Amino acid sequence: MSEQQFYTVKQVKDLLFNGALSITSVYVMVRRGEIPSVKYLNKRLIPGKWVRDELRKATEYK
């Protein structure tokens, strides 16, 4: 099974922030550079490696 290469901002909001932040707040974090992203076909995409690393950090912290 291949790992997902990119996630949408909405997917990141749901996966990492579990509804605790609005999608607007996640976009602000992207704009500030707190969350890495690339623009593709007028969409902001978050690298899958970053998402997996953040999920790993969150589970290690517990």
C-alpha atoms as a PDB file:
ATOM      1  CA  MET A   1       0.000   0.000   0.000  1.00  0.00           C
ATOM      2  CA  SER A   2       1.383   3.421  -0.935  1.00  0.00           C
ATOM      3  CA  GLU A   3       1.332   6.324   1.463  1.00  0.00           C
ATOM      4  CA  GLN A   4      -0.643   9.427   0.613  1.00  0.00           C
ATOM      5  CA  GLN A   5       1.705  12.060  -0.825  1.00  0.00           C
ATOM      6  CA  PHE A   6      -0.394  15.151  -0.081  1.00  0.00           C
ATOM      7  CA  TYR A   7      -3.373  16.124   2.062  1.00  0.00           C
ATOM      8  CA  THR A   8      -5.858  18.948   1.620  1.00  0.00           C
ATOM      9  CA  VAL A   9      -6.183  21.599   4.295  1.00  0.00           C
ATOM     10  CA  LYS A  10      -9.534  20.108   5.320  1.00  0.00           C
ATOM     11  CA  GLN A  11      -7.999  16.644   5.691  1.00  0.00           C
ATOM     12  CA  VAL A  12      -5.217  18.063   7.865  1.00  0.00           C
ATOM     13  CA  LYS A  13      -7.767  19.908   9.989  1.00  0.00           C
ATOM     14  CA  ASP A  14      -9.704  16.685  10.543  1.00  0.00           C
ATOM     15  CA  LEU A  15      -6.662  14.429  11.062  1.00  0.00           C
ATOM     16  CA  LEU A  16      -4.453  16.602  13.242  1.00  0.00           C
ATOM     17  CA  PHE A  17      -6.750  19.062  14.931  1.00  0.00           C
ATOM     18  CA  ASN A  18      -9.801  16.831  15.355  1.00  0.00           C
ATOM     19  CA  GLY A  19     -12.205  19.722  14.859  1.00  0.00           C
ATOM     20  CA  ALA A  20     -10.510  21.878  17.524  1.00  0.00           C
ATOM     21  CA  LEU A  21      -9.531  24.480  14.911  1.00  0.00           C
ATOM     22  CA  SER A  22     -11.516  25.997  12.095  1.00  0.00           C
ATOM     23  CA  ILE A  23     -10.394  25.558   8.524  1.00  0.00           C
ATOM     24  CA  THR A  24      -9.674  29.300   8.466  1.00  0.00           C
ATOM     25  CA  SER A  25      -7.251  28.890  11.383  1.00  0.00           C
ATOM     26  CA  VAL A  26      -5.443  26.096   9.546  1.00  0.00           C
ATOM     27  CA  TYR A  27      -5.150  28.305   6.439  1.00  0.00           C
ATOM     28  CA  VAL A  28      -3.676  31.065   8.636  1.00  0.00           C
ATOM     29  CA  MET A  29      -1.079  28.582   9.943  1.00  0.00           C
ATOM     30  CA  VAL A  30      -0.265  27.645   6.344  1.00  0.00           C
ATOM     31  CA  ARG A  31       0.076  31.310   5.378  1.00  0.00           C
ATOM     32  CA  ARG A  32       2.393  31.968   8.348  1.00  0.00           C
ATOM     33  CA  GLY A  33       4.571  29.032   7.351  1.00  0.00           C
ATOM     34  CA  GLU A  34       3.737  27.024  10.482  1.00  0.00           C
ATOM     35  CA  ILE A  35       2.399  24.261   8.236  1.00  0.00           C
ATOM     36  CA  PRO A  36       4.328  23.566   5.020  1.00  0.00           C
ATOM     37  CA  SER A  37       2.341  23.541   1.803  1.00  0.00           C
ATOM     38  CA  VAL A  38       2.529  23.643  -1.952  1.00  0.00           C
ATOM     39  CA  LYS A  39       0.072  25.213  -4.326  1.00  0.00           C
ATOM     40  CA  TYR A  40      -1.244  22.934  -7.063  1.00  0.00           C
ATOM     41  CA  LEU A  41      -4.120  23.755  -9.412  1.00  0.00           C
ATOM     42  CA  ASN A  42      -5.296  26.564  -7.139  1.00  0.00           C
ATOM     43  CA  LYS A  43      -5.317  24.279  -4.053  1.00  0.00           C
ATOM     44  CA  ARG A  44      -3.065  24.256  -1.023  1.00  0.00           C
ATOM     45  CA  LEU A  45      -1.688  20.798  -0.339  1.00  0.00           C
ATOM     46  CA  ILE A  46       0.224  19.669   2.747  1.00  0.00           C
ATOM     47  CA  PRO A  47       3.025  17.107   2.262  1.00  0.00           C
ATOM     48  CA  GLY A  48       2.086  13.653   3.527  1.00  0.00           C
ATOM     49  CA  LYS A  49       5.458  13.213   5.219  1.00  0.00           C
ATOM     50  CA  TRP A  50       4.831  16.271   7.389  1.00  0.00           C
ATOM     51  CA  VAL A  51       1.354  15.002   8.344  1.00  0.00           C
ATOM     52  CA  ARG A  52       2.725  11.552   9.247  1.00  0.00           C
ATOM     53  CA  ASP A  53       5.556  13.117  11.271  1.00  0.00           C
ATOM     54  CA  GLU A  54       3.097  15.288  13.212  1.00  0.00           C
ATOM     55  CA  LEU A  55       0.817  12.317  13.881  1.00  0.00           C
ATOM     56  CA  ARG A  56       3.814  10.300  15.080  1.00  0.00           C
ATOM     57  CA  LYS A  57       4.901  13.130  17.408  1.00  0.00           C
ATOM     58  CA  ALA A  58       1.384  13.367  18.829  1.00  0.00           C
ATOM     59  CA  THR A  59       1.229   9.643  19.601  1.00  0.00           C
ATOM     60  CA  GLU A  60       4.734   9.642  21.115  1.00  0.00           C
ATOM     61  CA  TYR A  61       3.805  12.555  23.386  1.00  0.00           C
ATOM     62  CA  LYS A  62       0.927  10.623  24.949  1.00  0.00           C
END
